[in-house]
Amino acid sequence: MANKLVRGSLIIFIGNIIFRIGGYLYRFLMATLLGPTANGILGTTLSYQGIFQTLASGGLPPAIAKYIAEYEAVGNHDMARQTIYTALKIMVFLGLFLGVLMIFVIAPYIAIEYMGKPEVMVPLQIIGLITPFSVVLGAFRGAFQGVYKMEYIIYTRAIEQVFMILCATAFVLMGLSVVGALWGTVIGYSLAAFSAVLIFKFLMPKYIPEPSEDFEFSHLDELKLAVTLVRFSIPVIITAIAEMLIYNICTIVMGKFLTLTDIGFFTAADPIARLPLMISISVATTILPASSEAFKVKDIPTLQKYVSQAYKISLLFVVPMCIGLALFSAPTLRLLYFKNPAYVAGATALAILSIGMTFYSIFAISTSIVQGIGNPKIPMYILILGSITTASLCWYLVPFLGIAGGATATTIACFLMMVPCVYFVFKLTKTKAPKVPVLKILAATAIMGVFGYFIPKTTLWLFPGIILCMIVYFFALILLKFFTKEDIETLRDYGSKLGPLAKIVNKLMDFVEKMEFRN
């Protein structure tokens, strides 16, 4: 069981990193090829797409995984397979219903009545075609998760993303603009759903055999199973929708008040600002099972050590990254979107969002710790309040400050979510906040920030500036005696997993050890 968990977590972790990069590649390609206005239409459409796909799934994929795992644990293969069929019926119904609703009712209302931008209607209607495929895909991914075949999830995600990027790029180059980009998404999801069906049909019988001949399951039994699945899925869907709103509500509100070109600037900056989250999500992925295990065996000292180390290691990298992005926002946009220099207009939004991602990174780690020690409802409530706060602040700030107002609203909301979540972490784990290390990280980042402020903000100086800032930050940490022997060993351990970079990390830690403990 432990080997399954470690192997599955590692596969999903690696897959998440790869596909997050693929997602950024898609957004960068589309932003570059479409230009600000068309990219604004695409960004608006993708915001609604994520929410509708989440609604259509009904929170059922985790429920499928949970109950399949439970039935398989006791050898009840018939009920495991029936769980998939029952959940699939619910999800297909939701997918088709919401798809039709999107095409004929919701898309026209959003485009004409809410946004007053008719050109957005057809792209929004295409979402209705994506939804049925996405729910089928979600159902089978839940089944794969239930039998710990995480690689099957990776296969379907690879097909989805590769064909989405290739087809969208090809269609846009053929002159189909936003509609072409979204048809690429339809093709990606449809092929991924087809691959999931094939995997289930030909590979899954080894793990969930075909129903036995004497298996009887009445309509009443199926109704009871459906109610059980839906009950479990309700808090899941609430949390998922709240999280989707945190990511997308600004774009949705901007559609009411700003031009599509302005939205295009914002959606070009937003994925760049979220790059530091790759580090915090990696730490969060690791800390959840670790904190859960320590809490289960009541090893409080180990739990407290995990909590302190998670914050220290994450902040050590995330804070300077976010400040660096804020400092070099304009040259970063110039370099990434060199074919469309107009995107530099999103530099202010990028700078503000980068600060917000520092807060969201801490929130993400805190959420994993709180969930790991058995309190999943706390992050759910905080996310709901956070999404409401983000929407309210956006509605107030966007008309006055434009895309900078949306970025400011997101940053404030992230801070307001971070504070209570961190409070609950320290209260529930009885851990003392690592105040001194955090203050040293902030001081070192401030020294780096002052130095970086005087570096010319040109494309030519971008990479030299980043390297110089990294050097200044590194030596500032040494000057402030940040590193302890435990930190050095922890970083060596992380470094050993980086393949070719392991030797470089080891040499850096040798240098730090020599400088920190030379007396």
Protein backbone atom coordinates (compact mmCIF):
# COMPACT_ATOMS: atom_id res chain seq x y z
CA MET A 1 0.00 0.00 0.00
CA ALA A 2 2.80 2.41 0.92
CA ASN A 3 4.58 1.65 -2.36
CA LYS A 4 1.37 2.35 -4.29
CA LEU A 5 0.96 5.68 -2.52
CA VAL A 6 4.55 6.80 -3.07
CA ARG A 7 4.57 5.64 -6.69
CA GLY A 8 1.18 7.20 -7.44
CA SER A 9 2.06 10.49 -5.77
CA LEU A 10 5.35 10.69 -7.67
CA ILE A 11 3.67 10.00 -11.02
CA ILE A 12 1.00 12.63 -10.42
CA PHE A 13 3.56 15.12 -9.11
CA ILE A 14 5.78 14.77 -12.19
CA GLY A 15 2.72 14.85 -14.44
CA ASN A 16 1.43 18.03 -12.79
CA ILE A 17 4.74 19.80 -13.35
CA ILE A 18 4.91 18.72 -17.00
CA PHE A 19 1.29 19.61 -17.77
CA ARG A 20 1.45 22.92 -15.91
CA ILE A 21 4.34 23.82 -18.22
CA GLY A 22 2.25 22.60 -21.17
CA GLY A 23 -0.64 24.79 -20.02
CA TYR A 24 1.67 27.80 -19.93
CA LEU A 25 2.95 26.91 -23.41
CA TYR A 26 -0.64 26.85 -24.72
CA ARG A 27 -1.44 30.25 -23.19
CA PHE A 28 1.82 31.79 -24.45
CA LEU A 29 1.34 30.44 -27.98
CA MET A 30 -2.24 31.63 -28.16
CA ALA A 31 -1.39 35.06 -26.73
CA THR A 32 1.44 35.46 -29.23
CA LEU A 33 -0.50 34.23 -32.27
CA LEU A 34 -3.85 35.87 -31.51
CA GLY A 35 -2.85 39.33 -30.28
CA PRO A 36 -4.30 41.18 -27.25
CA THR A 37 -7.96 41.54 -28.35
CA ALA A 38 -8.48 37.95 -29.54
CA ASN A 39 -6.50 36.72 -26.54
CA GLY A 40 -8.94 38.65 -24.35
CA ILE A 41 -11.83 36.71 -25.91
CA LEU A 42 -9.96 33.43 -25.37
CA GLY A 43 -9.06 34.29 -21.77
CA THR A 44 -12.67 35.19 -20.97
CA THR A 45 -13.91 31.98 -22.57
CA LEU A 46 -11.40 29.77 -20.74
CA SER A 47 -12.48 31.29 -17.41
CA TYR A 48 -16.06 30.17 -18.01
CA GLN A 49 -14.89 26.85 -19.43
CA GLY A 50 -13.12 25.86 -16.23
CA ILE A 51 -16.13 26.70 -14.09
CA PHE A 52 -18.60 24.86 -16.33
CA GLN A 53 -16.41 21.77 -16.56
CA THR A 54 -16.18 21.71 -12.76
CA LEU A 55 -19.96 22.10 -12.44
CA ALA A 56 -20.59 19.38 -15.02
CA SER A 57 -18.35 16.89 -13.21
CA GLY A 58 -20.47 17.45 -10.07
CA GLY A 59 -17.47 16.72 -7.85
CA LEU A 60 -17.92 13.04 -8.69
CA PRO A 61 -14.41 11.95 -9.87
CA PRO A 62 -13.03 11.97 -6.27
CA ALA A 63 -16.19 10.11 -5.14
CA ILE A 64 -15.60 7.48 -7.85
CA ALA A 65 -11.99 7.07 -6.72
CA LYS A 66 -12.98 6.77 -3.05
CA TYR A 67 -15.71 4.17 -3.45
CA ILE A 68 -13.87 2.10 -6.06
CA ALA A 69 -10.88 1.91 -3.70
CA GLU A 70 -13.15 0.85 -0.83
CA TYR A 71 -14.99 -1.82 -2.84
CA GLU A 72 -11.78 -3.18 -4.33
CA ALA A 73 -10.22 -3.36 -0.85
CA VAL A 74 -12.86 -5.94 0.12
CA GLY A 75 -12.85 -7.66 -3.27
CA ASN A 76 -16.29 -6.41 -4.34
CA HIS A 77 -15.46 -5.97 -8.03
CA ASP A 78 -19.11 -5.82 -9.09
CA MET A 79 -19.87 -2.78 -6.96
CA ALA A 80 -16.62 -1.11 -8.01
CA ARG A 81 -17.64 -1.36 -11.66
CA GLN A 82 -21.23 -0.35 -10.88
CA THR A 83 -19.92 2.78 -9.15
CA ILE A 84 -18.34 3.87 -12.42
CA TYR A 85 -21.51 3.21 -14.44
CA THR A 86 -23.80 5.03 -12.00
CA ALA A 87 -21.50 8.03 -11.67
CA LEU A 88 -21.03 8.14 -15.44
CA LYS A 89 -24.81 8.34 -15.97
CA ILE A 90 -25.05 11.29 -13.59
CA MET A 91 -22.07 13.06 -15.14
CA VAL A 92 -23.16 12.53 -18.74
CA PHE A 93 -26.59 13.91 -17.88
CA LEU A 94 -25.04 16.96 -16.19
CA GLY A 95 -22.59 17.42 -19.07
CA LEU A 96 -25.27 17.30 -21.77
CA PHE A 97 -27.70 19.45 -19.77
CA LEU A 98 -25.13 22.16 -19.02
CA GLY A 99 -23.74 21.91 -22.56
CA VAL A 100 -27.16 22.59 -24.13
CA LEU A 101 -27.83 25.30 -21.54
CA MET A 102 -24.52 26.96 -22.36
CA ILE A 103 -25.12 26.94 -26.12
CA PHE A 104 -28.69 28.22 -26.17
CA VAL A 105 -29.15 30.23 -22.95
CA ILE A 106 -26.04 31.09 -20.94
CA ALA A 107 -23.63 32.04 -23.74
CA PRO A 108 -26.06 34.52 -25.37
CA TYR A 109 -26.90 36.04 -21.97
CA ILE A 110 -23.23 36.47 -20.94
CA ALA A 111 -22.15 37.86 -24.31
CA ILE A 112 -25.09 40.20 -24.98
CA GLU A 113 -26.70 41.07 -21.65
CA TYR A 114 -23.79 40.87 -19.17
CA MET A 115 -20.71 41.80 -21.22
CA GLY A 116 -22.28 43.65 -24.14
CA LYS A 117 -19.72 41.99 -26.44
CA PRO A 118 -21.45 39.85 -29.13
CA GLU A 119 -18.10 38.62 -30.49
CA VAL A 120 -17.71 36.50 -27.35
CA MET A 121 -20.92 34.48 -27.94
CA VAL A 122 -19.69 31.82 -30.40
CA PRO A 123 -16.50 31.04 -28.38
CA LEU A 124 -18.65 30.66 -25.26
CA GLN A 125 -21.05 28.37 -27.11
CA ILE A 126 -18.14 26.08 -28.03
CA ILE A 127 -17.74 25.41 -24.30
CA GLY A 128 -21.03 23.53 -24.55
CA LEU A 129 -19.37 21.11 -26.98
CA ILE A 130 -16.36 20.55 -24.71
CA THR A 131 -18.33 19.78 -21.54
CA PRO A 132 -19.73 16.30 -22.44
CA PHE A 133 -16.27 15.03 -23.37
CA SER A 134 -14.70 16.49 -20.24
CA VAL A 135 -17.18 14.75 -17.91
CA VAL A 136 -16.60 11.35 -19.51
CA LEU A 137 -12.89 11.95 -19.14
CA GLY A 138 -13.31 12.97 -15.48
CA ALA A 139 -15.34 9.84 -14.66
CA PHE A 140 -12.76 7.43 -16.05
CA ARG A 141 -9.89 9.34 -14.44
CA GLY A 142 -11.67 8.86 -11.13
CA ALA A 143 -11.81 5.12 -11.87
CA PHE A 144 -8.10 5.00 -12.70
CA GLN A 145 -7.31 6.84 -9.46
CA GLY A 146 -9.42 4.39 -7.48
CA VAL A 147 -7.19 1.46 -8.51
CA TYR A 148 -3.96 3.50 -8.19
CA LYS A 149 -3.27 3.43 -11.96
CA MET A 150 -2.09 7.04 -12.02
CA GLU A 151 -0.16 6.46 -15.22
CA TYR A 152 -3.47 6.02 -17.07
CA ILE A 153 -4.45 9.52 -15.94
CA ILE A 154 -1.13 10.80 -17.27
CA TYR A 155 -1.70 9.07 -20.63
CA THR A 156 -5.11 10.74 -21.10
CA ARG A 157 -3.79 14.13 -19.98
CA ALA A 158 -0.91 13.83 -22.44
CA ILE A 159 -3.29 13.10 -25.32
CA GLU A 160 -5.57 15.95 -24.25
CA GLN A 161 -2.80 18.51 -23.99
CA VAL A 162 -0.68 17.50 -27.01
CA PHE A 163 -3.63 17.49 -29.42
CA MET A 164 -5.11 20.63 -27.90
CA ILE A 165 -1.86 22.57 -28.39
CA LEU A 166 -1.14 21.17 -31.86
CA CYS A 167 -4.68 21.55 -33.22
CA ALA A 168 -5.27 24.97 -31.66
CA THR A 169 -1.97 26.27 -33.06
CA ALA A 170 -2.70 24.83 -36.51
CA PHE A 171 -6.23 26.26 -36.63
CA VAL A 172 -5.08 29.70 -35.49
CA LEU A 173 -2.32 29.71 -38.13
CA MET A 174 -5.00 28.79 -40.70
CA GLY A 175 -6.80 32.01 -39.78
CA LEU A 176 -9.59 30.63 -37.57
CA SER A 177 -8.56 32.86 -34.64
CA VAL A 178 -10.24 32.23 -31.25
CA VAL A 179 -12.78 29.79 -32.70
CA GLY A 180 -9.89 27.73 -34.05
CA ALA A 181 -8.12 27.77 -30.68
CA LEU A 182 -11.28 26.48 -28.98
CA TRP A 183 -11.93 23.83 -31.64
CA GLY A 184 -8.42 22.60 -30.85
CA THR A 185 -9.57 22.26 -27.23
CA VAL A 186 -12.66 20.29 -28.34
CA ILE A 187 -10.48 17.89 -30.32
CA GLY A 188 -8.03 17.50 -27.41
CA TYR A 189 -10.80 16.62 -24.95
CA SER A 190 -12.67 14.34 -27.37
CA LEU A 191 -9.55 12.30 -28.20
CA ALA A 192 -8.60 12.11 -24.52
CA ALA A 193 -12.13 10.88 -23.64
CA PHE A 194 -11.91 8.27 -26.42
CA SER A 195 -8.52 7.10 -25.11
CA ALA A 196 -9.98 6.84 -21.57
CA VAL A 197 -12.79 4.62 -22.87
CA LEU A 198 -10.26 2.36 -24.65
CA ILE A 199 -8.07 2.12 -21.54
CA PHE A 200 -11.09 1.24 -19.42
CA LYS A 201 -12.28 -1.39 -21.90
CA PHE A 202 -8.96 -3.14 -22.59
CA LEU A 203 -6.68 -2.49 -19.59
CA MET A 204 -8.95 -1.94 -16.57
CA PRO A 205 -10.51 -5.47 -16.53
CA LYS A 206 -7.23 -6.64 -14.95
CA TYR A 207 -8.04 -4.47 -11.93
CA ILE A 208 -11.87 -4.34 -12.03
CA PRO A 209 -13.15 -7.57 -13.63
CA GLU A 210 -16.34 -7.76 -15.68
CA PRO A 211 -19.55 -8.13 -13.59
CA SER A 212 -20.31 -11.66 -12.41
CA GLU A 213 -23.33 -13.39 -13.97
CA ASP A 214 -25.25 -13.54 -10.69
CA PHE A 215 -24.80 -9.82 -9.89
CA GLU A 216 -28.17 -8.11 -9.52
CA PHE A 217 -28.59 -4.39 -9.06
CA SER A 218 -32.08 -2.90 -9.07
CA HIS A 219 -33.07 0.65 -9.95
CA LEU A 220 -33.65 1.34 -6.26
CA ASP A 221 -30.14 0.09 -5.45
CA GLU A 222 -28.73 2.34 -8.14
CA LEU A 223 -30.67 5.32 -6.77
CA LYS A 224 -29.22 4.68 -3.29
CA LEU A 225 -25.71 4.47 -4.74
CA ALA A 226 -26.27 7.70 -6.69
CA VAL A 227 -27.39 9.49 -3.51
CA THR A 228 -24.28 8.23 -1.69
CA LEU A 229 -22.01 9.49 -4.46
CA VAL A 230 -23.72 12.88 -4.65
CA ARG A 231 -23.59 13.36 -0.87
CA PHE A 232 -19.84 12.83 -0.88
CA SER A 233 -19.38 15.08 -3.91
CA ILE A 234 -21.20 18.16 -2.56
CA PRO A 235 -18.34 19.57 -0.39
CA VAL A 236 -15.89 18.58 -3.14
CA ILE A 237 -17.76 20.57 -5.80
CA ILE A 238 -18.18 23.58 -3.49
CA THR A 239 -14.43 23.65 -2.81
CA ALA A 240 -13.58 23.13 -6.49
CA ILE A 241 -15.91 25.93 -7.66
CA ALA A 242 -14.56 28.30 -4.98
CA GLU A 243 -11.00 27.55 -6.11
CA MET A 244 -11.92 28.03 -9.77
CA LEU A 245 -13.48 31.39 -8.92
CA ILE A 246 -10.31 32.51 -7.11
CA TYR A 247 -8.43 31.93 -10.38
CA ASN A 248 -11.06 33.22 -12.81
CA ILE A 249 -13.39 35.72 -11.15
CA CYS A 250 -11.24 38.73 -12.09
CA THR A 251 -11.42 37.91 -15.79
CA ILE A 252 -15.19 37.40 -15.52
CA VAL A 253 -15.72 40.75 -13.78
CA MET A 254 -13.39 42.52 -16.21
CA GLY A 255 -15.62 41.32 -19.04
CA LYS A 256 -18.31 43.63 -17.68
CA PHE A 257 -16.21 46.80 -17.40
CA LEU A 258 -13.12 46.59 -19.65
CA THR A 259 -12.33 46.13 -23.32
CA LEU A 260 -11.29 42.75 -24.66
CA THR A 261 -7.84 44.17 -25.37
CA ASP A 262 -7.38 45.03 -21.69
CA ILE A 263 -8.51 41.54 -20.71
CA GLY A 264 -5.96 40.18 -23.20
CA PHE A 265 -3.19 42.06 -21.40
CA PHE A 266 -4.33 40.62 -18.06
CA THR A 267 -4.63 37.02 -19.26
CA ALA A 268 -1.14 37.25 -20.78
CA ALA A 269 0.34 38.37 -17.43
CA ASP A 270 -1.65 36.05 -15.15
CA PRO A 271 0.03 32.69 -15.99
CA ILE A 272 3.48 34.24 -15.63
CA ALA A 273 2.62 35.53 -12.15
CA ARG A 274 1.60 32.01 -11.13
CA LEU A 275 4.95 30.40 -12.03
CA PRO A 276 6.23 30.51 -8.40
CA LEU A 277 3.25 28.34 -7.44
CA MET A 278 5.10 25.39 -8.98
CA ILE A 279 7.40 25.45 -5.95
CA SER A 280 4.70 25.89 -3.31
CA ILE A 281 2.46 23.23 -4.88
CA SER A 282 5.43 20.83 -4.91
CA VAL A 283 6.00 21.46 -1.20
CA ALA A 284 2.24 21.21 -0.53
CA THR A 285 2.09 17.85 -2.35
CA THR A 286 4.86 16.52 -0.11
CA ILE A 287 3.69 18.02 3.20
CA LEU A 288 0.12 16.64 3.04
CA PRO A 289 0.94 12.91 3.41
CA ALA A 290 3.90 13.68 5.71
CA SER A 291 1.82 15.78 8.12
CA SER A 292 -1.02 13.26 7.93
CA GLU A 293 1.26 10.39 8.91
CA ALA A 294 2.89 12.29 11.78
CA PHE A 295 -0.51 13.42 13.09
CA LYS A 296 -1.94 9.89 12.83
CA VAL A 297 0.80 8.39 15.03
CA LYS A 298 0.68 11.46 17.32
CA ASP A 299 4.33 12.31 16.67
CA ILE A 300 3.85 16.01 17.44
CA PRO A 301 7.58 16.99 17.43
CA THR A 302 7.98 15.54 13.92
CA LEU A 303 4.77 17.23 12.76
CA GLN A 304 5.99 20.58 14.07
CA LYS A 305 9.33 20.07 12.34
CA TYR A 306 7.54 19.35 9.03
CA VAL A 307 5.42 22.49 9.40
CA SER A 308 8.40 24.78 10.09
CA GLN A 309 10.49 23.26 7.30
CA ALA A 310 7.65 23.50 4.77
CA TYR A 311 7.28 27.23 5.35
CA LYS A 312 11.01 27.91 5.45
CA ILE A 313 11.88 25.97 2.29
CA SER A 314 8.93 27.36 0.33
CA LEU A 315 9.46 30.99 1.36
CA LEU A 316 13.19 30.68 0.73
CA PHE A 317 12.50 30.31 -3.00
CA VAL A 318 9.01 31.76 -3.55
CA VAL A 319 9.52 35.21 -1.97
CA PRO A 320 12.57 36.23 -4.07
CA MET A 321 10.95 34.75 -7.21
CA CYS A 322 7.80 36.81 -6.70
CA ILE A 323 9.74 40.00 -5.94
CA GLY A 324 12.01 39.35 -8.91
CA LEU A 325 8.98 38.96 -11.20
CA ALA A 326 7.55 42.20 -9.83
CA LEU A 327 10.83 44.04 -10.42
CA PHE A 328 11.35 42.72 -13.95
CA SER A 329 7.71 42.50 -15.06
CA ALA A 330 8.11 44.79 -18.08
CA PRO A 331 11.23 43.15 -19.62
CA THR A 332 9.76 39.69 -18.89
CA LEU A 333 6.65 40.51 -20.93
CA ARG A 334 8.77 42.10 -23.69
CA LEU A 335 10.87 38.95 -23.98
CA LEU A 336 8.06 36.38 -23.80
CA TYR A 337 5.77 38.27 -26.18
CA PHE A 338 8.43 39.74 -28.46
CA LYS A 339 6.07 39.47 -31.45
CA ASN A 340 3.45 41.57 -29.64
CA PRO A 341 5.19 44.33 -27.65
CA ALA A 342 1.77 45.75 -26.75
CA TYR A 343 1.56 43.11 -23.98
CA VAL A 344 3.96 45.24 -21.91
CA ALA A 345 0.80 47.12 -20.91
CA GLY A 346 0.18 44.19 -18.52
CA ALA A 347 3.41 44.85 -16.58
CA THR A 348 1.73 46.63 -13.65
CA ALA A 349 -0.82 43.84 -13.29
CA LEU A 350 1.99 41.25 -13.42
CA ALA A 351 3.95 43.06 -10.71
CA ILE A 352 0.93 43.24 -8.38
CA LEU A 353 -0.15 39.65 -9.08
CA SER A 354 3.38 38.42 -8.33
CA ILE A 355 3.10 39.81 -4.80
CA GLY A 356 -0.29 38.13 -4.44
CA MET A 357 1.20 34.78 -5.41
CA THR A 358 3.52 34.99 -2.39
CA PHE A 359 0.43 35.02 -0.18
CA TYR A 360 -1.31 32.32 -2.21
CA SER A 361 1.78 30.10 -1.99
CA ILE A 362 1.69 30.25 1.81
CA PHE A 363 -2.06 29.60 1.70
CA ALA A 364 -1.56 26.51 -0.52
CA ILE A 365 0.99 25.00 1.89
CA SER A 366 -1.17 25.85 4.91
CA THR A 367 -4.18 24.23 3.22
CA SER A 368 -2.28 20.98 2.70
CA ILE A 369 -1.17 20.89 6.34
CA VAL A 370 -4.69 21.57 7.65
CA GLN A 371 -6.12 18.89 5.33
CA GLY A 372 -3.36 16.48 6.33
CA ILE A 373 -4.30 16.71 10.02
CA GLY A 374 -7.96 16.01 9.28
CA ASN A 375 -9.62 19.41 8.89
CA PRO A 376 -10.63 19.69 5.19
CA LYS A 377 -13.62 21.96 5.86
CA ILE A 378 -11.48 24.86 7.13
CA PRO A 379 -9.79 25.50 3.72
CA MET A 380 -13.20 25.04 2.04
CA TYR A 381 -14.78 27.82 4.09
CA ILE A 382 -11.75 30.07 3.59
CA LEU A 383 -11.86 29.48 -0.18
CA ILE A 384 -15.57 30.34 -0.32
CA LEU A 385 -15.00 33.58 1.60
CA GLY A 386 -11.94 34.27 -0.55
CA SER A 387 -13.87 33.90 -3.81
CA ILE A 388 -16.64 36.21 -2.53
CA THR A 389 -14.02 38.76 -1.39
CA THR A 390 -12.20 38.61 -4.74
CA ALA A 391 -15.44 39.14 -6.67
CA SER A 392 -16.51 42.06 -4.46
CA LEU A 393 -13.13 43.79 -4.62
CA CYS A 394 -12.91 43.27 -8.39
CA TRP A 395 -16.37 44.76 -8.88
CA TYR A 396 -15.29 47.84 -6.94
CA LEU A 397 -11.66 48.27 -8.13
CA VAL A 398 -11.75 47.25 -11.81
CA PRO A 399 -13.88 50.22 -13.01
CA PHE A 400 -11.38 52.64 -11.43
CA LEU A 401 -8.01 50.92 -11.84
CA GLY A 402 -8.56 48.63 -14.84
CA ILE A 403 -6.50 45.41 -14.93
CA ALA A 404 -4.35 46.73 -12.07
CA GLY A 405 -7.57 46.81 -10.01
CA GLY A 406 -8.20 43.13 -10.76
CA ALA A 407 -4.63 42.26 -9.80
CA THR A 408 -4.95 44.30 -6.58
CA ALA A 409 -8.23 42.59 -5.70
CA THR A 410 -6.64 39.16 -6.18
CA THR A 411 -3.62 40.11 -4.07
CA ILE A 412 -5.72 41.45 -1.20
CA ALA A 413 -7.97 38.38 -1.26
CA CYS A 414 -4.96 36.03 -1.25
CA PHE A 415 -3.58 37.84 1.80
CA LEU A 416 -6.94 37.63 3.58
CA MET A 417 -7.11 33.87 2.84
CA MET A 418 -3.52 33.29 3.96
CA VAL A 419 -3.86 34.86 7.42
CA PRO A 420 -6.61 32.62 8.91
CA CYS A 421 -5.21 29.48 7.27
CA VAL A 422 -1.75 30.08 8.76
CA TYR A 423 -3.39 30.82 12.13
CA PHE A 424 -5.19 27.45 12.09
CA VAL A 425 -1.97 25.63 11.12
CA PHE A 426 -0.07 26.95 14.12
CA LYS A 427 -3.05 26.52 16.45
CA LEU A 428 -3.90 22.96 15.45
CA THR A 429 -0.30 21.70 15.28
CA LYS A 430 0.84 23.78 18.30
CA THR A 431 3.85 24.85 16.27
CA LYS A 432 5.73 28.05 16.97
CA ALA A 433 5.97 30.26 13.90
CA PRO A 434 9.52 30.31 12.46
CA LYS A 435 9.68 34.09 12.93
CA VAL A 436 13.45 34.55 12.83
CA PRO A 437 14.04 32.54 9.61
CA VAL A 438 11.09 34.28 7.91
CA LEU A 439 12.38 37.72 8.93
CA LYS A 440 15.82 36.82 7.57
CA ILE A 441 14.28 35.71 4.25
CA LEU A 442 12.33 38.98 4.04
CA ALA A 443 15.45 41.01 4.92
CA ALA A 444 17.55 39.20 2.30
CA THR A 445 14.78 39.71 -0.27
CA ALA A 446 14.62 43.42 0.63
CA ILE A 447 18.39 43.74 0.05
CA MET A 448 17.98 41.97 -3.31
CA GLY A 449 15.00 44.19 -4.15
CA VAL A 450 16.90 47.42 -3.45
CA PHE A 451 19.78 46.17 -5.59
CA GLY A 452 17.44 45.05 -8.38
CA TYR A 453 15.61 48.38 -8.37
CA PHE A 454 18.69 50.10 -9.83
CA ILE A 455 19.24 47.55 -12.62
CA PRO A 456 17.97 48.87 -16.00
CA LYS A 457 14.61 47.29 -16.85
CA THR A 458 15.46 46.39 -20.44
CA THR A 459 15.33 43.07 -22.23
CA LEU A 460 19.12 43.13 -22.60
CA TRP A 461 19.53 43.39 -18.83
CA LEU A 462 16.85 40.82 -17.92
CA PHE A 463 19.01 37.70 -17.58
CA PRO A 464 22.10 39.47 -16.19
CA GLY A 465 19.80 41.27 -13.74
CA ILE A 466 18.19 38.02 -12.59
CA ILE A 467 21.58 36.35 -12.10
CA LEU A 468 22.97 39.33 -10.18
CA CYS A 469 19.86 39.43 -7.96
CA MET A 470 20.21 35.71 -7.22
CA ILE A 471 23.84 36.22 -6.19
CA VAL A 472 22.97 39.19 -3.98
CA TYR A 473 20.12 37.24 -2.35
CA PHE A 474 22.36 34.21 -1.74
CA PHE A 475 25.09 36.23 -0.06
CA ALA A 476 22.53 38.26 1.90
CA LEU A 477 21.23 35.00 3.39
CA ILE A 478 24.76 34.00 4.36
CA LEU A 479 25.44 37.46 5.80
CA LEU A 480 22.29 37.18 7.91
CA LYS A 481 23.27 33.63 8.99
CA PHE A 482 20.03 32.16 7.75
CA PHE A 483 21.17 28.58 7.16
CA THR A 484 21.26 26.04 9.97
CA LYS A 485 22.92 22.63 9.69
CA GLU A 486 19.44 21.10 9.43
CA ASP A 487 18.55 23.46 6.54
CA ILE A 488 21.74 22.53 4.72
CA GLU A 489 20.99 18.81 5.05
CA THR A 490 17.41 19.35 3.90
CA LEU A 491 18.57 21.27 0.83
CA ARG A 492 21.15 18.59 0.08
CA ASP A 493 18.33 16.04 0.21
CA TYR A 494 16.20 18.10 -2.19
CA GLY A 495 19.22 18.63 -4.43
CA SER A 496 19.93 14.90 -4.64
CA LYS A 497 16.63 14.49 -6.50
CA LEU A 498 17.56 17.02 -9.19
CA GLY A 499 19.71 14.72 -11.31
CA PRO A 500 22.46 16.66 -13.14
CA LEU A 501 21.98 19.66 -10.81
CA ALA A 502 22.72 17.59 -7.69
CA LYS A 503 26.46 18.29 -7.86
CA ILE A 504 25.92 22.03 -8.17
CA VAL A 505 23.56 22.04 -5.18
CA ASN A 506 26.07 20.00 -3.17
CA LYS A 507 28.90 22.42 -3.94
CA LEU A 508 26.70 25.40 -2.99
CA MET A 509 25.82 23.72 0.31
CA ASP A 510 29.51 23.00 0.94
CA PHE A 511 30.24 26.69 0.41
CA VAL A 512 27.36 27.74 2.67
CA GLU A 513 28.51 25.33 5.38
CA LYS A 514 32.03 26.69 5.18
CA MET A 515 30.85 30.32 5.37
CA GLU A 516 28.17 29.82 8.04
CA PHE A 517 30.19 27.64 10.40
CA ARG A 518 33.75 28.77 9.71
CA ASN A 519 34.16 29.81 13.36
